[in-house]
């Protein structure tokens, strides 16, 4: 849960193992400046045919972003200086298990994360004996997209069952396979790849985004009490059971195209259809489950993604 702040906005570093370091605490540390949180650059892939007077854009790749922060810290004693320096190094060090999250919390409680790595050593004014000093921090985000700090969860397998908005009705049942359709209004700027959580029992499971035609499915039956987690996040795609054991062999093949199954923003697919939009940002999802009981559950967890803060 994110607490609304009455005055100003808050910047935090969240380490991969969950420690929170607040960059501006309103007492002895403040963020003087922060840059690099606008729209990232892109490199365009083009083609120019014979006697064509200008190139045609075929696709694009989003470029990493650099973020630089200037912190101002107060300390009554030199020992406090060293303690503050040590705390910042602990938050930034490379070997905590992955990228850190640079979190921005607005006054209304809205919180968004940028996954970053330290990009060079912080530059301290080591020789200063004054009670205040400035520190420069450089970060690089190889994935330059901001994402919601808290995931949205949707229950796809039953009407009225533990749904979190955004979602619209009606939810329709059809045929023997108990297909359930859910309309998801996606308001981010860039597609989100969900984590699919499934509780057995079932015989087969297929999820279809009818707005894009993308399908993912699980073809091996599950018994009561078993779980599966299908993570579609690019770069860390996996299918595991409740104990973390890989279950790749259970994917419904060849229909499952993992990169194509995502939630799309508003737009029209022109250059790179997997990354572009659907009309109005409306994603029509359908879960088709055979052999289900009242204990069967299908959920998706996703974080909306944005080009800029």
Foldseek 3Di string as FASTA:
>chain_A
DFDAAQDDKWKWKAAPVGDIDTQDDPPFKDWPDKDWFFFFDKDFDWDADDPRPDTDTQAIDTAKIKMKIKMKGFAPAVVVVVVVVVVVCVRQPDPRPAFIWTWMAGNGGFIKTATWHWDDDKDWPVVDPDRMTMIMTMIMGRPLKIWGPFKAKAWAQDPPPPHDDPWDDDWDADDPQRKTKIKHQAAADKWKQKKKKKADAFQKKKKAFVQQRAIKIFHHGDHHPKMWIAGLPPPDTFIAIPVRHGDVVRIPPDRHDSLQDTQAHDDDDDRPNSIHHGHSSITIMMMGTHPGDPRIIIMIIIIGIYSGD
